[in-house]
Each structure stands twice: as C-alpha cells, then as structure tokens.
C-alpha cells in the first residue's frame, strides 16, 4: 500500500498531519458585480436578501435596471429580465455603473460633461504642445 503526503500551497500556514490546506480564495472578475454589490450601491446593505431581490426586480421592470448576466432556468425555460434575479445573480459592473450615472439629476450630468470636455481640451493641448516642441 502506498502512502501520500499532502504538500501545502505556497504561502499556506503549516498544517497538522492529515489536515488539508485551505484552497486559495476564488476571485470574481473585477468587471462583474454581485447582488451584495448592487445592494451596497442602493444603500440596502442591512436588508434581508429577499427584500433586495424584490427591489432589484422592481428596478428592472420599472426603471430600466440592467438584466443579470447569469441565466436562470425554471422548469426547463430560461427566465429573462426581472425573473432572472436570484441571490447568486451577477451583473456587468459597467452596465450597473452606467445605470447609476444616468440616474443623476441633469444639472450634475451637465457639470460632469463640462468637466470631461475641459479635461479633454487640456489633454489635447498638452499633446499638441509636446509634438510641436
């Protein structure tokens, strides 16, 4: 009969014989956001999961919140829109950020556009100056 030795992961704390080292934590893509991230953006961190899900579903139905990227199937049928939201749903961070940006009052959007235009003008002027020298 052969015996095997479990080799610990790099950086893992030494373990007692027979214990398995913990696997490294899995990281989601930085381009994605989960239900808890959406709840944080909505200011609903302390609420129950069911309340958060129902709020996000209403936002999808009534206010154009983006659909989750993760599919949901019920009795073999794929659900879309608000019906696809579950506790494990994942959204594109860019789409969620865009929705929150579009939700700003027009005065704040105009101020942001003016600031972006000024920054672009400055950047183009600096590049032109660097080329001319």
N, C-alpha and C. Protein backbone atom coordinates (compact mmCIF):
# COMPACT_ATOMS: atom_id res chain seq x y z
N UNK A 1 0.84 -1.18 0.00
CA UNK A 1 0.00 0.00 0.00
C UNK A 1 0.88 1.24 0.00
N UNK A 2 0.53 2.19 -0.81
CA UNK A 2 1.30 3.42 -0.92
C UNK A 2 0.75 4.48 0.01
N UNK A 3 1.61 5.35 0.42
CA UNK A 3 1.18 6.49 1.23
C UNK A 3 1.49 7.76 0.45
N UNK A 4 0.72 8.77 0.70
CA UNK A 4 0.92 10.04 0.01
C UNK A 4 1.02 11.15 1.03
N UNK A 5 1.76 12.15 0.66
CA UNK A 5 1.91 13.31 1.53
C UNK A 5 1.23 14.49 0.86
N UNK A 6 0.45 15.25 1.60
CA UNK A 6 -0.19 16.45 1.06
C UNK A 6 0.79 17.60 1.18
N UNK A 7 1.09 18.19 0.06
CA UNK A 7 2.04 19.31 0.04
C UNK A 7 1.23 20.60 0.18
N UNK A 8 1.59 21.46 1.15
CA UNK A 8 0.83 22.69 1.34
C UNK A 8 1.03 23.66 0.18
N UNK A 9 0.04 24.49 -0.03
CA UNK A 9 0.09 25.53 -1.07
C UNK A 9 1.14 26.55 -0.69
N UNK A 10 1.67 27.22 -1.69
CA UNK A 10 2.64 28.27 -1.40
C UNK A 10 1.99 29.33 -0.54
N UNK A 11 2.64 29.70 0.53
CA UNK A 11 2.13 30.75 1.40
C UNK A 11 1.12 30.25 2.42
N UNK A 12 0.76 28.97 2.36
CA UNK A 12 -0.21 28.44 3.32
C UNK A 12 0.49 28.15 4.65
N UNK A 13 -0.24 28.30 5.71
CA UNK A 13 0.31 28.03 7.04
C UNK A 13 0.53 26.52 7.17
N UNK A 14 1.57 26.11 7.92
CA UNK A 14 1.80 24.69 8.10
C UNK A 14 0.59 24.04 8.78
N UNK A 15 0.29 22.84 8.36
CA UNK A 15 -0.88 22.15 8.90
C UNK A 15 -0.45 20.90 9.62
N UNK A 16 -1.32 20.45 10.50
CA UNK A 16 -1.06 19.18 11.19
C UNK A 16 -1.20 18.04 10.19
N UNK A 17 -0.54 16.93 10.48
CA UNK A 17 -0.60 15.80 9.57
C UNK A 17 -2.05 15.34 9.38
N UNK A 18 -2.44 15.19 8.14
CA UNK A 18 -3.80 14.75 7.84
C UNK A 18 -4.74 15.91 7.52
N UNK A 19 -4.39 17.14 7.92
CA UNK A 19 -5.23 18.30 7.58
C UNK A 19 -4.91 18.75 6.17
N UNK A 20 -5.93 19.18 5.48
CA UNK A 20 -5.73 19.71 4.15
C UNK A 20 -5.58 21.23 4.23
N UNK A 21 -4.68 21.80 3.44
CA UNK A 21 -4.58 23.26 3.42
C UNK A 21 -5.80 23.85 2.73
N UNK A 22 -6.17 25.03 3.15
CA UNK A 22 -7.32 25.70 2.54
C UNK A 22 -6.96 26.13 1.13
N UNK A 23 -7.87 25.94 0.17
CA UNK A 23 -7.58 26.40 -1.19
C UNK A 23 -7.57 27.93 -1.24
N UNK A 24 -6.90 28.48 -2.24
CA UNK A 24 -6.88 29.94 -2.33
C UNK A 24 -8.28 30.46 -2.62
N UNK A 25 -8.62 31.66 -2.13
CA UNK A 25 -9.97 32.18 -2.38
C UNK A 25 -10.17 32.48 -3.86
N UNK A 26 -11.37 32.20 -4.33
CA UNK A 26 -11.70 32.48 -5.72
C UNK A 26 -12.08 33.95 -5.86
N UNK A 27 -11.60 34.58 -6.92
CA UNK A 27 -11.91 35.99 -7.15
C UNK A 27 -12.79 36.11 -8.38
N UNK A 28 -13.85 36.84 -8.25
CA UNK A 28 -14.66 37.14 -9.41
C UNK A 28 -13.96 38.20 -10.23
N UNK A 29 -14.32 38.28 -11.44
CA UNK A 29 -13.75 39.30 -12.30
C UNK A 29 -14.08 40.68 -11.75
N UNK A 30 -13.16 41.60 -11.90
CA UNK A 30 -13.41 42.96 -11.45
C UNK A 30 -14.46 43.64 -12.32
N UNK A 31 -14.76 43.04 -13.47
CA UNK A 31 -15.76 43.61 -14.36
C UNK A 31 -17.18 43.20 -13.98
N UNK A 32 -17.32 42.40 -12.93
CA UNK A 32 -18.63 41.91 -12.52
C UNK A 32 -18.99 42.44 -11.13
N UNK A 33 -20.29 42.45 -10.84
CA UNK A 33 -20.79 42.86 -9.53
C UNK A 33 -21.91 41.90 -9.15
N UNK A 34 -21.95 41.48 -7.90
CA UNK A 34 -22.97 40.54 -7.46
C UNK A 34 -24.12 41.28 -6.77
N UNK A 35 -25.07 40.51 -6.25
CA UNK A 35 -26.25 41.09 -5.61
C UNK A 35 -25.86 41.95 -4.41
N UNK A 36 -24.86 41.53 -3.65
CA UNK A 36 -24.44 42.30 -2.49
C UNK A 36 -23.82 43.63 -2.90
N UNK A 37 -23.09 43.63 -4.02
CA UNK A 37 -22.53 44.88 -4.54
C UNK A 37 -23.61 45.83 -5.00
N UNK A 38 -24.64 45.29 -5.64
CA UNK A 38 -25.78 46.12 -6.08
C UNK A 38 -26.50 46.67 -4.86
N UNK A 39 -26.69 45.83 -3.83
CA UNK A 39 -27.35 46.29 -2.60
C UNK A 39 -26.55 47.41 -1.95
N UNK A 40 -25.23 47.29 -1.96
CA UNK A 40 -24.37 48.33 -1.39
C UNK A 40 -24.55 49.64 -2.15
N UNK A 41 -24.62 49.55 -3.48
CA UNK A 41 -24.81 50.77 -4.30
C UNK A 41 -26.17 51.40 -4.05
N UNK A 42 -27.17 50.56 -3.73
CA UNK A 42 -28.51 51.07 -3.46
C UNK A 42 -28.70 51.52 -2.02
N UNK A 43 -27.70 51.30 -1.17
CA UNK A 43 -27.81 51.66 0.24
C UNK A 43 -28.69 50.70 1.03
N UNK A 44 -28.73 49.44 0.61
CA UNK A 44 -29.58 48.43 1.25
C UNK A 44 -28.76 47.32 1.89
N UNK A 45 -27.58 47.63 2.40
CA UNK A 45 -26.68 46.61 2.91
C UNK A 45 -27.27 45.78 4.04
N UNK A 46 -28.00 46.38 4.96
CA UNK A 46 -28.50 45.67 6.12
C UNK A 46 -29.82 44.96 5.90
N UNK A 47 -30.38 45.05 4.72
CA UNK A 47 -31.69 44.46 4.44
C UNK A 47 -31.60 42.96 4.21
N UNK A 48 -32.75 42.31 4.30
CA UNK A 48 -32.82 40.87 4.01
C UNK A 48 -32.63 40.64 2.52
N UNK A 49 -32.10 39.47 2.19
CA UNK A 49 -31.83 39.13 0.80
C UNK A 49 -33.10 39.19 -0.05
N UNK A 50 -34.19 38.70 0.47
CA UNK A 50 -35.45 38.70 -0.28
C UNK A 50 -35.90 40.12 -0.63
N UNK A 51 -35.74 41.04 0.31
CA UNK A 51 -36.11 42.44 0.08
C UNK A 51 -35.23 43.05 -1.01
N UNK A 52 -33.95 42.74 -0.98
CA UNK A 52 -33.03 43.26 -2.00
C UNK A 52 -33.41 42.72 -3.37
N UNK A 53 -33.70 41.41 -3.44
CA UNK A 53 -34.07 40.79 -4.72
C UNK A 53 -35.34 41.43 -5.27
N UNK A 54 -36.35 41.62 -4.44
CA UNK A 54 -37.60 42.21 -4.90
C UNK A 54 -37.39 43.66 -5.36
N UNK A 55 -36.53 44.40 -4.67
CA UNK A 55 -36.24 45.78 -5.06
C UNK A 55 -35.55 45.81 -6.42
N UNK A 56 -34.57 44.94 -6.62
CA UNK A 56 -33.85 44.90 -7.91
C UNK A 56 -34.80 44.48 -9.02
N UNK A 57 -35.69 43.54 -8.75
CA UNK A 57 -36.67 43.13 -9.77
C UNK A 57 -37.58 44.29 -10.15
N UNK A 58 -38.01 45.07 -9.16
CA UNK A 58 -38.84 46.25 -9.48
C UNK A 58 -38.06 47.28 -10.29
N UNK A 59 -36.79 47.47 -9.96
CA UNK A 59 -35.96 48.41 -10.72
C UNK A 59 -35.82 47.96 -12.17
N UNK A 60 -35.70 46.66 -12.39
CA UNK A 60 -35.61 46.15 -13.76
C UNK A 60 -36.92 46.38 -14.50
N UNK A 61 -38.04 46.06 -13.86
CA UNK A 61 -39.35 46.21 -14.50
C UNK A 61 -39.72 47.66 -14.77
N UNK A 62 -39.46 48.54 -13.82
CA UNK A 62 -39.99 49.90 -13.89
C UNK A 62 -38.98 50.98 -14.27
N UNK A 63 -37.68 50.72 -14.05
CA UNK A 63 -36.72 51.81 -14.23
C UNK A 63 -35.53 51.45 -15.12
N UNK A 64 -35.61 50.34 -15.82
CA UNK A 64 -34.58 50.01 -16.79
C UNK A 64 -33.25 49.55 -16.22
N UNK A 65 -33.25 49.02 -15.00
CA UNK A 65 -32.01 48.49 -14.44
C UNK A 65 -31.55 47.33 -15.31
N UNK A 66 -30.23 47.15 -15.50
CA UNK A 66 -29.76 46.08 -16.39
C UNK A 66 -30.11 44.68 -15.89
N UNK A 67 -30.29 43.78 -16.85
CA UNK A 67 -30.58 42.39 -16.52
C UNK A 67 -29.30 41.71 -16.03
N UNK A 68 -29.43 40.69 -15.20
CA UNK A 68 -28.23 39.96 -14.77
C UNK A 68 -27.63 39.16 -15.92
N UNK A 69 -26.32 38.93 -15.84
CA UNK A 69 -25.63 38.15 -16.86
C UNK A 69 -25.87 36.66 -16.69
N UNK A 70 -26.10 36.23 -15.46
CA UNK A 70 -26.26 34.81 -15.17
C UNK A 70 -27.66 34.34 -15.52
N UNK A 71 -27.78 33.23 -16.24
CA UNK A 71 -29.11 32.75 -16.61
C UNK A 71 -29.82 32.06 -15.44
N UNK A 72 -31.13 32.06 -15.50
CA UNK A 72 -31.93 31.32 -14.53
C UNK A 72 -32.94 30.49 -15.30
N UNK A 73 -33.05 29.23 -14.93
CA UNK A 73 -33.97 28.32 -15.60
C UNK A 73 -35.01 27.85 -14.61
N UNK A 74 -36.25 27.79 -15.06
CA UNK A 74 -37.35 27.30 -14.25
C UNK A 74 -38.15 26.34 -15.11
N UNK A 75 -38.20 25.09 -14.69
CA UNK A 75 -38.91 24.03 -15.44
C UNK A 75 -38.45 23.96 -16.90
N UNK A 76 -37.14 24.11 -17.09
CA UNK A 76 -36.57 23.99 -18.42
C UNK A 76 -36.66 25.24 -19.27
N UNK A 77 -37.30 26.28 -18.79
CA UNK A 77 -37.44 27.52 -19.55
C UNK A 77 -36.49 28.57 -18.97
N UNK A 78 -35.79 29.29 -19.83
CA UNK A 78 -34.91 30.35 -19.37
C UNK A 78 -35.74 31.59 -19.06
N UNK A 79 -35.48 32.18 -17.90
CA UNK A 79 -36.16 33.39 -17.50
C UNK A 79 -35.30 34.60 -17.83
N UNK A 80 -35.94 35.66 -18.27
CA UNK A 80 -35.25 36.89 -18.63
C UNK A 80 -35.77 38.04 -17.79
N UNK A 81 -35.02 39.12 -17.77
CA UNK A 81 -35.47 40.32 -17.07
C UNK A 81 -35.51 40.13 -15.57
N UNK A 82 -36.57 40.64 -14.97
CA UNK A 82 -36.70 40.61 -13.52
C UNK A 82 -36.77 39.18 -12.98
N UNK A 83 -37.32 38.27 -13.75
CA UNK A 83 -37.44 36.89 -13.30
C UNK A 83 -36.11 36.18 -13.17
N UNK A 84 -35.06 36.72 -13.78
CA UNK A 84 -33.74 36.09 -13.74
C UNK A 84 -32.94 36.45 -12.49
N UNK A 85 -33.44 37.37 -11.68
CA UNK A 85 -32.69 37.81 -10.50
C UNK A 85 -32.83 36.79 -9.38
N UNK A 86 -31.67 36.34 -8.89
CA UNK A 86 -31.62 35.44 -7.74
C UNK A 86 -30.56 35.97 -6.78
N UNK A 87 -30.38 35.26 -5.68
CA UNK A 87 -29.35 35.66 -4.71
C UNK A 87 -27.95 35.49 -5.29
N UNK A 88 -27.80 34.73 -6.35
CA UNK A 88 -26.49 34.46 -6.93
C UNK A 88 -26.30 35.14 -8.28
N UNK A 89 -27.13 36.11 -8.61
CA UNK A 89 -27.04 36.80 -9.89
C UNK A 89 -25.78 37.66 -9.96
N UNK A 90 -25.26 37.79 -11.19
CA UNK A 90 -24.07 38.59 -11.47
C UNK A 90 -24.43 39.57 -12.58
N UNK A 91 -24.01 40.83 -12.41
CA UNK A 91 -24.24 41.86 -13.41
C UNK A 91 -22.91 42.35 -13.94
N UNK A 92 -22.95 42.96 -15.10
CA UNK A 92 -21.79 43.64 -15.64
C UNK A 92 -21.63 44.95 -14.86
N UNK A 93 -20.45 45.16 -14.28
CA UNK A 93 -20.21 46.37 -13.48
C UNK A 93 -20.39 47.63 -14.33
N UNK A 94 -19.97 47.58 -15.60
CA UNK A 94 -20.10 48.75 -16.46
C UNK A 94 -21.56 49.13 -16.67
N UNK A 95 -22.42 48.12 -16.88
CA UNK A 95 -23.85 48.40 -17.10
C UNK A 95 -24.49 48.98 -15.84
N UNK A 96 -24.13 48.45 -14.68
CA UNK A 96 -24.68 48.96 -13.41
C UNK A 96 -24.19 50.38 -13.16
N UNK A 97 -22.90 50.62 -13.37
CA UNK A 97 -22.35 51.97 -13.19
C UNK A 97 -23.04 52.96 -14.13
N UNK A 98 -23.25 52.55 -15.37
CA UNK A 98 -23.92 53.43 -16.34
C UNK A 98 -25.34 53.75 -15.90
N UNK A 99 -26.04 52.75 -15.36
CA UNK A 99 -27.41 52.99 -14.90
C UNK A 99 -27.41 54.00 -13.75
N UNK A 100 -26.49 53.85 -12.80
CA UNK A 100 -26.41 54.79 -11.69
C UNK A 100 -25.99 56.17 -12.17
N UNK A 101 -25.09 56.25 -13.16
CA UNK A 101 -24.68 57.55 -13.70
C UNK A 101 -25.83 58.25 -14.40
N UNK A 102 -26.63 57.48 -15.13
CA UNK A 102 -27.77 58.06 -15.84
C UNK A 102 -28.88 58.50 -14.89
N UNK A 103 -28.84 58.01 -13.66
CA UNK A 103 -29.86 58.33 -12.67
C UNK A 103 -29.58 59.67 -11.98
N UNK A 104 -28.46 60.31 -12.32
CA UNK A 104 -28.12 61.60 -11.71
C UNK A 104 -29.03 62.70 -12.25
N UNK A 105 -29.25 63.76 -11.48
CA UNK A 105 -30.02 64.90 -11.97
C UNK A 105 -29.33 65.55 -13.16
N UNK A 106 -30.08 66.19 -14.07
CA UNK A 106 -29.48 66.79 -15.27
C UNK A 106 -28.38 67.81 -14.96
N UNK A 107 -28.52 68.57 -13.89
CA UNK A 107 -27.50 69.58 -13.56
C UNK A 107 -26.16 68.91 -13.24
N UNK A 108 -26.20 67.78 -12.53
CA UNK A 108 -24.96 67.08 -12.21
C UNK A 108 -24.36 66.44 -13.45
N UNK A 109 -25.21 65.93 -14.35
CA UNK A 109 -24.71 65.35 -15.59
C UNK A 109 -24.04 66.41 -16.45
N UNK A 110 -24.66 67.60 -16.53
CA UNK A 110 -24.10 68.70 -17.32
C UNK A 110 -22.76 69.14 -16.75
N UNK A 111 -22.66 69.21 -15.44
CA UNK A 111 -21.40 69.59 -14.80
C UNK A 111 -20.32 68.56 -15.10
N UNK A 112 -20.68 67.30 -15.07
CA UNK A 112 -19.72 66.24 -15.39
C UNK A 112 -19.28 66.30 -16.84
N UNK A 113 -20.22 66.59 -17.76
CA UNK A 113 -19.87 66.71 -19.18
C UNK A 113 -18.93 67.88 -19.40
N UNK A 114 -19.20 69.02 -18.75
CA UNK A 114 -18.34 70.19 -18.89
C UNK A 114 -16.93 69.89 -18.36
N UNK A 115 -16.86 69.19 -17.25
CA UNK A 115 -15.56 68.84 -16.67
C UNK A 115 -14.80 67.89 -17.60
N UNK A 116 -15.49 66.91 -18.18
CA UNK A 116 -14.83 65.99 -19.11
C UNK A 116 -14.33 66.72 -20.36
N UNK A 117 -15.15 67.66 -20.87
CA UNK A 117 -14.73 68.42 -22.05
C UNK A 117 -13.48 69.25 -21.74
N UNK A 118 -13.45 69.88 -20.57
CA UNK A 118 -12.30 70.69 -20.18
C UNK A 118 -11.05 69.82 -20.03
N UNK A 119 -11.20 68.66 -19.45
CA UNK A 119 -10.06 67.75 -19.29
C UNK A 119 -9.55 67.28 -20.65
N UNK A 120 -10.47 67.01 -21.57
CA UNK A 120 -10.07 66.57 -22.91
C UNK A 120 -9.34 67.69 -23.63
N UNK A 121 -9.86 68.92 -23.52
CA UNK A 121 -9.19 70.06 -24.14
C UNK A 121 -7.76 70.22 -23.62
N UNK A 122 -7.60 70.11 -22.29
CA UNK A 122 -6.28 70.24 -21.70
C UNK A 122 -5.34 69.14 -22.18
N UNK A 123 -5.83 67.92 -22.23
CA UNK A 123 -5.00 66.79 -22.66
C UNK A 123 -4.58 66.96 -24.12
N UNK A 124 -5.51 67.39 -24.97
CA UNK A 124 -5.17 67.59 -26.38
C UNK A 124 -4.18 68.73 -26.55
N UNK A 125 -4.34 69.80 -25.78
CA UNK A 125 -3.40 70.92 -25.85
C UNK A 125 -2.01 70.49 -25.41
N UNK A 126 -1.93 69.69 -24.33
CA UNK A 126 -0.63 69.20 -23.86
C UNK A 126 0.03 68.30 -24.90
N UNK A 127 -0.75 67.46 -25.56
CA UNK A 127 -0.19 66.60 -26.60
C UNK A 127 0.31 67.42 -27.79
N UNK A 128 -0.48 68.40 -28.19
CA UNK A 128 -0.08 69.26 -29.31
C UNK A 128 1.20 70.02 -28.97
N UNK A 129 1.30 70.49 -27.75
CA UNK A 129 2.49 71.21 -27.29
C UNK A 129 3.70 70.28 -27.30
N UNK A 130 3.53 69.04 -26.87
CA UNK A 130 4.63 68.09 -26.86
C UNK A 130 5.10 67.75 -28.28
N UNK A 131 4.18 67.67 -29.20
CA UNK A 131 4.53 67.35 -30.59
C UNK A 131 5.25 68.54 -31.24
N UNK A 132 4.80 69.76 -30.94
CA UNK A 132 5.36 70.96 -31.55
C UNK A 132 6.78 71.23 -31.07
N UNK A 133 7.11 70.78 -29.88
CA UNK A 133 8.46 71.04 -29.35
C UNK A 133 9.46 70.12 -29.87
